[in-house]
PDB file of N, CA and C in Angstrom:
ATOM      1  N   MET A   1       0.849  -1.178   0.000  1.00  0.00           N
ATOM      2  CA  MET A   1       0.000   0.000   0.000  1.00  0.00           C
ATOM      3  C   MET A   1       0.891   1.238   0.000  1.00  0.00           C
ATOM      4  N   ILE A   2       0.555   2.149  -0.866  1.00  0.00           N
ATOM      5  CA  ILE A   2       1.258   3.433  -0.955  1.00  0.00           C
ATOM      6  C   ILE A   2       0.276   4.513  -0.506  1.00  0.00           C
ATOM      7  N   GLU A   3       0.726   5.402   0.364  1.00  0.00           N
ATOM      8  CA  GLU A   3      -0.108   6.519   0.795  1.00  0.00           C
ATOM      9  C   GLU A   3       0.622   7.809   0.471  1.00  0.00           C
ATOM     10  N   LEU A   4      -0.067   8.698  -0.236  1.00  0.00           N
ATOM     11  CA  LEU A   4       0.517   9.970  -0.646  1.00  0.00           C
ATOM     12  C   LEU A   4      -0.288  11.127  -0.090  1.00  0.00           C
ATOM     13  N   GLN A   5       0.387  12.172   0.320  1.00  0.00           N
ATOM     14  CA  GLN A   5      -0.251  13.453   0.629  1.00  0.00           C
ATOM     15  C   GLN A   5      -0.119  14.277  -0.649  1.00  0.00           C
ATOM     16  N   VAL A   6      -1.247  14.639  -1.227  1.00  0.00           N
ATOM     17  CA  VAL A   6      -1.250  15.325  -2.516  1.00  0.00           C
ATOM     18  C   VAL A   6      -1.866  16.705  -2.364  1.00  0.00           C
ATOM     19  N   GLU A   7      -1.092  17.730  -2.651  1.00  0.00           N
ATOM     20  CA  GLU A   7      -1.555  19.116  -2.564  1.00  0.00           C
ATOM     21  C   GLU A   7      -2.222  19.515  -3.880  1.00  0.00           C
ATOM     22  N   GLY A   8      -3.207  20.370  -3.786  1.00  0.00           N
ATOM     23  CA  GLY A   8      -3.846  20.918  -4.975  1.00  0.00           C
ATOM     24  C   GLY A   8      -5.162  20.260  -5.350  1.00  0.00           C
ATOM     25  N   MET A   9      -5.575  19.226  -4.626  1.00  0.00           N
ATOM     26  CA  MET A   9      -6.861  18.588  -4.914  1.00  0.00           C
ATOM     27  C   MET A   9      -7.961  19.349  -4.182  1.00  0.00           C
ATOM     28  N   SER A  10      -9.037  19.696  -4.917  1.00  0.00           N
ATOM     29  CA  SER A  10     -10.088  20.471  -4.269  1.00  0.00           C
ATOM     30  C   SER A  10     -11.506  20.062  -4.657  1.00  0.00           C
ATOM     31  N   CYS A  11     -11.653  19.149  -5.630  1.00  0.00           N
ATOM     32  CA  CYS A  11     -12.997  18.822  -6.107  1.00  0.00           C
ATOM     33  C   CYS A  11     -13.030  17.416  -6.703  1.00  0.00           C
ATOM     34  N   ASN A  12     -14.210  16.979  -7.107  1.00  0.00           N
ATOM     35  CA  ASN A  12     -14.361  15.653  -7.694  1.00  0.00           C
ATOM     36  C   ASN A  12     -13.623  15.520  -9.020  1.00  0.00           C
ATOM     37  N   HIS A  13     -13.468  16.614  -9.745  1.00  0.00           N
ATOM     38  CA  HIS A  13     -12.685  16.569 -10.982  1.00  0.00           C
ATOM     39  C   HIS A  13     -11.239  16.198 -10.649  1.00  0.00           C
ATOM     40  N   CYS A  14     -10.726  16.732  -9.558  1.00  0.00           N
ATOM     41  CA  CYS A  14      -9.362  16.402  -9.119  1.00  0.00           C
ATOM     42  C   CYS A  14      -9.257  14.909  -8.786  1.00  0.00           C
ATOM     43  N   VAL A  15     -10.267  14.389  -8.113  1.00  0.00           N
ATOM     44  CA  VAL A  15     -10.282  12.963  -7.773  1.00  0.00           C
ATOM     45  C   VAL A  15     -10.200  12.128  -9.048  1.00  0.00           C
ATOM     46  N   SER A  16     -10.996  12.484 -10.039  1.00  0.00           N
ATOM     47  CA  SER A  16     -10.986  11.754 -11.312  1.00  0.00           C
ATOM     48  C   SER A  16      -9.639  11.869 -12.011  1.00  0.00           C
ATOM     49  N   LYS A  17      -9.075  13.059 -12.009  1.00  0.00           N
ATOM     50  CA  LYS A  17      -7.797  13.288 -12.686  1.00  0.00           C
ATOM     51  C   LYS A  17      -6.661  12.507 -12.022  1.00  0.00           C
ATOM     52  N   VAL A  18      -6.638  12.488 -10.697  1.00  0.00           N
ATOM     53  CA  VAL A  18      -5.626  11.742  -9.950  1.00  0.00           C
ATOM     54  C   VAL A  18      -5.794  10.240 -10.197  1.00  0.00           C
ATOM     55  N   THR A  19      -7.019   9.772 -10.109  1.00  0.00           N
ATOM     56  CA  THR A  19      -7.294   8.351 -10.333  1.00  0.00           C
ATOM     57  C   THR A  19      -6.892   7.940 -11.743  1.00  0.00           C
ATOM     58  N   ARG A  20      -7.248   8.745 -12.717  1.00  0.00           N
ATOM     59  CA  ARG A  20      -6.913   8.455 -14.119  1.00  0.00           C
ATOM     60  C   ARG A  20      -5.397   8.418 -14.333  1.00  0.00           C
ATOM     61  N   ALA A  21      -4.679   9.361 -13.733  1.00  0.00           N
ATOM     62  CA  ALA A  21      -3.216   9.405 -13.881  1.00  0.00           C
ATOM     63  C   ALA A  21      -2.570   8.131 -13.336  1.00  0.00           C
ATOM     64  N   ILE A  22      -3.090   7.640 -12.219  1.00  0.00           N
ATOM     65  CA  ILE A  22      -2.537   6.418 -11.620  1.00  0.00           C
ATOM     66  C   ILE A  22      -2.919   5.200 -12.452  1.00  0.00           C
ATOM     67  N   ARG A  23      -4.153   5.136 -12.899  1.00  0.00           N
ATOM     68  CA  ARG A  23      -4.600   3.972 -13.674  1.00  0.00           C
ATOM     69  C   ARG A  23      -4.005   3.922 -15.079  1.00  0.00           C
ATOM     70  N   GLU A  24      -3.456   5.034 -15.559  1.00  0.00           N
ATOM     71  CA  GLU A  24      -2.736   4.988 -16.829  1.00  0.00           C
ATOM     72  C   GLU A  24      -1.431   4.211 -16.661  1.00  0.00           C
ATOM     73  N   LEU A  25      -0.899   4.177 -15.443  1.00  0.00           N
ATOM     74  CA  LEU A  25       0.310   3.406 -15.145  1.00  0.00           C
ATOM     75  C   LEU A  25      -0.015   1.945 -14.854  1.00  0.00           C
ATOM     76  N   ASP A  26      -1.121   1.720 -14.157  1.00  0.00           N
ATOM     77  CA  ASP A  26      -1.553   0.374 -13.759  1.00  0.00           C
ATOM     78  C   ASP A  26      -3.075   0.340 -13.802  1.00  0.00           C
ATOM     79  N   ALA A  27      -3.606  -0.251 -14.851  1.00  0.00           N
ATOM     80  CA  ALA A  27      -5.060  -0.277 -15.057  1.00  0.00           C
ATOM     81  C   ALA A  27      -5.806  -0.991 -13.935  1.00  0.00           C
ATOM     82  N   HIS A  28      -5.112  -1.845 -13.187  1.00  0.00           N
ATOM     83  CA  HIS A  28      -5.754  -2.610 -12.122  1.00  0.00           C
ATOM     84  C   HIS A  28      -5.506  -2.028 -10.728  1.00  0.00           C
ATOM     85  N   ALA A  29      -4.913  -0.857 -10.671  1.00  0.00           N
ATOM     86  CA  ALA A  29      -4.617  -0.222  -9.379  1.00  0.00           C
ATOM     87  C   ALA A  29      -5.905   0.079  -8.628  1.00  0.00           C
ATOM     88  N   LYS A  30      -5.852  -0.116  -7.312  1.00  0.00           N
ATOM     89  CA  LYS A  30      -6.955   0.287  -6.448  1.00  0.00           C
ATOM     90  C   LYS A  30      -6.576   1.652  -5.892  1.00  0.00           C
ATOM     91  N   VAL A  31      -7.430   2.640  -6.138  1.00  0.00           N
ATOM     92  CA  VAL A  31      -7.133   4.020  -5.761  1.00  0.00           C
ATOM     93  C   VAL A  31      -8.251   4.549  -4.870  1.00  0.00           C
ATOM     94  N   ASP A  32      -7.879   5.083  -3.711  1.00  0.00           N
ATOM     95  CA  ASP A  32      -8.837   5.688  -2.785  1.00  0.00           C
ATOM     96  C   ASP A  32      -8.360   7.107  -2.489  1.00  0.00           C
ATOM     97  N   VAL A  33      -9.163   8.088  -2.900  1.00  0.00           N
ATOM     98  CA  VAL A  33      -8.803   9.493  -2.705  1.00  0.00           C
ATOM     99  C   VAL A  33      -9.703  10.097  -1.625  1.00  0.00           C
ATOM    100  N   ASP A  34      -9.097  10.701  -0.617  1.00  0.00           N
ATOM    101  CA  ASP A  34      -9.825  11.413   0.430  1.00  0.00           C
ATOM    102  C   ASP A  34      -9.522  12.900   0.268  1.00  0.00           C
ATOM    103  N   LEU A  35     -10.484  13.630  -0.302  1.00  0.00           N
ATOM    104  CA  LEU A  35     -10.276  15.058  -0.558  1.00  0.00           C
ATOM    105  C   LEU A  35     -10.022  15.849   0.713  1.00  0.00           C
ATOM    106  N   LYS A  36     -10.784  15.543   1.754  1.00  0.00           N
ATOM    107  CA  LYS A  36     -10.685  16.321   2.988  1.00  0.00           C
ATOM    108  C   LYS A  36      -9.273  16.285   3.575  1.00  0.00           C
ATOM    109  N   SER A  37      -8.673  15.099   3.594  1.00  0.00           N
ATOM    110  CA  SER A  37      -7.327  14.976   4.162  1.00  0.00           C
ATOM    111  C   SER A  37      -6.235  15.073   3.093  1.00  0.00           C
ATOM    112  N   ARG A  38      -6.644  15.183   1.823  1.00  0.00           N
ATOM    113  CA  ARG A  38      -5.720  15.234   0.676  1.00  0.00           C
ATOM    114  C   ARG A  38      -4.800  14.017   0.648  1.00  0.00           C
ATOM    115  N   THR A  39      -5.393  12.868   0.975  1.00  0.00           N
ATOM    116  CA  THR A  39      -4.654  11.613   1.011  1.00  0.00           C
ATOM    117  C   THR A  39      -5.100  10.716  -0.136  1.00  0.00           C
ATOM    118  N   VAL A  40      -4.123  10.075  -0.783  1.00  0.00           N
ATOM    119  CA  VAL A  40      -4.406   9.103  -1.832  1.00  0.00           C
ATOM    120  C   VAL A  40      -3.760   7.798  -1.411  1.00  0.00           C
ATOM    121  N   ARG A  41      -4.582   6.743  -1.289  1.00  0.00           N
ATOM    122  CA  ARG A  41      -4.074   5.413  -0.948  1.00  0.00           C
ATOM    123  C   ARG A  41      -4.164   4.548  -2.201  1.00  0.00           C
ATOM    124  N   ILE A  42      -3.076   3.839  -2.486  1.00  0.00           N
ATOM    125  CA  ILE A  42      -2.988   3.096  -3.734  1.00  0.00           C
ATOM    126  C   ILE A  42      -2.451   1.700  -3.483  1.00  0.00           C
ATOM    127  N   GLU A  43      -3.092   0.714  -4.082  1.00  0.00           N
ATOM    128  CA  GLU A  43      -2.554  -0.636  -4.156  1.00  0.00           C
ATOM    129  C   GLU A  43      -2.234  -0.857  -5.617  1.00  0.00           C
ATOM    130  N   SER A  44      -0.939  -1.023  -5.926  1.00  0.00           N
ATOM    131  CA  SER A  44      -0.506  -1.094  -7.316  1.00  0.00           C
ATOM    132  C   SER A  44       0.842  -1.789  -7.417  1.00  0.00           C
ATOM    133  N   VAL A  45       1.112  -2.320  -8.603  1.00  0.00           N
ATOM    134  CA  VAL A  45       2.436  -2.890  -8.871  1.00  0.00           C
ATOM    135  C   VAL A  45       3.423  -1.787  -9.240  1.00  0.00           C
ATOM    136  N   THR A  46       2.917  -0.595  -9.494  1.00  0.00           N
ATOM    137  CA  THR A  46       3.752   0.553  -9.851  1.00  0.00           C
ATOM    138  C   THR A  46       4.344   1.163  -8.587  1.00  0.00           C
ATOM    139  N   GLY A  47       5.579   1.593  -8.657  1.00  0.00           N
ATOM    140  CA  GLY A  47       6.263   2.155  -7.499  1.00  0.00           C
ATOM    141  C   GLY A  47       5.860   3.583  -7.198  1.00  0.00           C
ATOM    142  N   PRO A  48       6.142   4.029  -5.970  1.00  0.00           N
ATOM    143  CA  PRO A  48       5.752   5.372  -5.542  1.00  0.00           C
ATOM    144  C   PRO A  48       6.406   6.491  -6.348  1.00  0.00           C
ATOM    145  N   ALA A  49       7.639   6.309  -6.782  1.00  0.00           N
ATOM    146  CA  ALA A  49       8.317   7.355  -7.552  1.00  0.00           C
ATOM    147  C   ALA A  49       7.619   7.579  -8.894  1.00  0.00           C
ATOM    148  N   GLU A  50       7.217   6.489  -9.536  1.00  0.00           N
ATOM    149  CA  GLU A  50       6.522   6.606 -10.832  1.00  0.00           C
ATOM    150  C   GLU A  50       5.145   7.240 -10.655  1.00  0.00           C
ATOM    151  N   ILE A  51       4.462   6.865  -9.582  1.00  0.00           N
ATOM    152  CA  ILE A  51       3.139   7.444  -9.316  1.00  0.00           C
ATOM    153  C   ILE A  51       3.277   8.931  -9.008  1.00  0.00           C
ATOM    154  N   SER A  52       4.251   9.296  -8.183  1.00  0.00           N
ATOM    155  CA  SER A  52       4.471  10.707  -7.857  1.00  0.00           C
ATOM    156  C   SER A  52       4.778  11.515  -9.108  1.00  0.00           C
ATOM    157  N   SER A  53       5.567  10.954  -9.999  1.00  0.00           N
ATOM    158  CA  SER A  53       5.900  11.629 -11.249  1.00  0.00           C
ATOM    159  C   SER A  53       4.656  11.833 -12.111  1.00  0.00           C
ATOM    160  N   ALA A  54       3.803  10.812 -12.193  1.00  0.00           N
ATOM    161  CA  ALA A  54       2.568  10.921 -12.979  1.00  0.00           C
ATOM    162  C   ALA A  54       1.648  11.987 -12.405  1.00  0.00           C
ATOM    163  N   LEU A  55       1.568  12.058 -11.080  1.00  0.00           N
ATOM    164  CA  LEU A  55       0.719  13.074 -10.450  1.00  0.00           C
ATOM    165  C   LEU A  55       1.299  14.466 -10.653  1.00  0.00           C
ATOM    166  N   SER A  56       2.597  14.567 -10.613  1.00  0.00           N
ATOM    167  CA  SER A  56       3.260  15.845 -10.895  1.00  0.00           C
ATOM    168  C   SER A  56       2.959  16.291 -12.329  1.00  0.00           C
ATOM    169  N   ASP A  57       3.048  15.363 -13.273  1.00  0.00           N
ATOM    170  CA  ASP A  57       2.724  15.667 -14.666  1.00  0.00           C
ATOM    171  C   ASP A  57       1.266  16.099 -14.823  1.00  0.00           C
ATOM    172  N   ALA A  58       0.391  15.595 -13.936  1.00  0.00           N
ATOM    173  CA  ALA A  58      -1.029  15.955 -13.978  1.00  0.00           C
ATOM    174  C   ALA A  58      -1.304  17.285 -13.283  1.00  0.00           C
ATOM    175  N   GLY A  59      -0.258  17.880 -12.653  1.00  0.00           N
ATOM    176  CA  GLY A  59      -0.412  19.196 -12.058  1.00  0.00           C
ATOM    177  C   GLY A  59      -0.545  19.220 -10.544  1.00  0.00           C
ATOM    178  N   TYR A  60      -0.223  18.107  -9.881  1.00  0.00           N
ATOM    179  CA  TYR A  60      -0.350  18.032  -8.429  1.00  0.00           C
ATOM    180  C   TYR A  60       1.021  17.888  -7.779  1.00  0.00           C
ATOM    181  N   VAL A  61       1.106  18.304  -6.530  1.00  0.00           N
ATOM    182  CA  VAL A  61       2.350  18.214  -5.774  1.00  0.00           C
ATOM    183  C   VAL A  61       2.205  17.118  -4.724  1.00  0.00           C
ATOM    184  N   VAL A  62       3.086  16.137  -4.764  1.00  0.00           N
ATOM    185  CA  VAL A  62       3.100  15.087  -3.750  1.00  0.00           C
ATOM    186  C   VAL A  62       3.990  15.566  -2.616  1.00  0.00           C
ATOM    187  N   ALA A  63       3.364  15.823  -1.453  1.00  0.00           N
ATOM    188  CA  ALA A  63       4.080  16.395  -0.323  1.00  0.00           C
ATOM    189  C   ALA A  63       4.727  15.345   0.553  1.00  0.00           C
ATOM    190  N   ASN A  64       4.167  14.137   0.571  1.00  0.00           N
ATOM    191  CA  ASN A  64       4.680  13.092   1.469  1.00  0.00           C
ATOM    192  C   ASN A  64       4.286  11.741   0.912  1.00  0.00           C
ATOM    193  N   THR A  65       5.169  10.759   1.066  1.00  0.00           N
ATOM    194  CA  THR A  65       4.911   9.402   0.595  1.00  0.00           C
ATOM    195  C   THR A  65       5.206   8.409   1.703  1.00  0.00           C
ATOM    196  N   THR A  66       4.279   7.479   1.913  1.00  0.00           N
ATOM    197  CA  THR A  66       4.461   6.396   2.874  1.00  0.00           C
ATOM    198  C   THR A  66       4.187   5.085   2.161  1.00  0.00           C
ATOM    199  N   VAL A  67       5.086   4.115   2.339  1.00  0.00           N
ATOM    200  CA  VAL A  67       4.892   2.794   1.750  1.00  0.00           C
ATOM    201  C   VAL A  67       4.760   1.801   2.894  1.00  0.00           C
ATOM    202  N   ALA A  68       3.653   1.057   2.863  1.00  0.00           N
ATOM    203  CA  ALA A  68       3.419   0.061   3.934  1.00  0.00           C
ATOM    204  C   ALA A  68       3.410  -1.326   3.360  1.00  0.00           C
TER     205      ALA A  68
END
């Protein structure tokens, strides 16, 4: 499980954009976005660095990453 703190998310469009960016890397990824806490939890075969890069390309800032 990868948990990211993602800055810049403010609406459901952001949730869709973040989810889409992650699923472009891994179509089978499980993505849970919590707008209130700006937390994204991901179960994926893709590593955190690649996911952070994809989110950065989508216009978001990953402030913190935790891998469990």
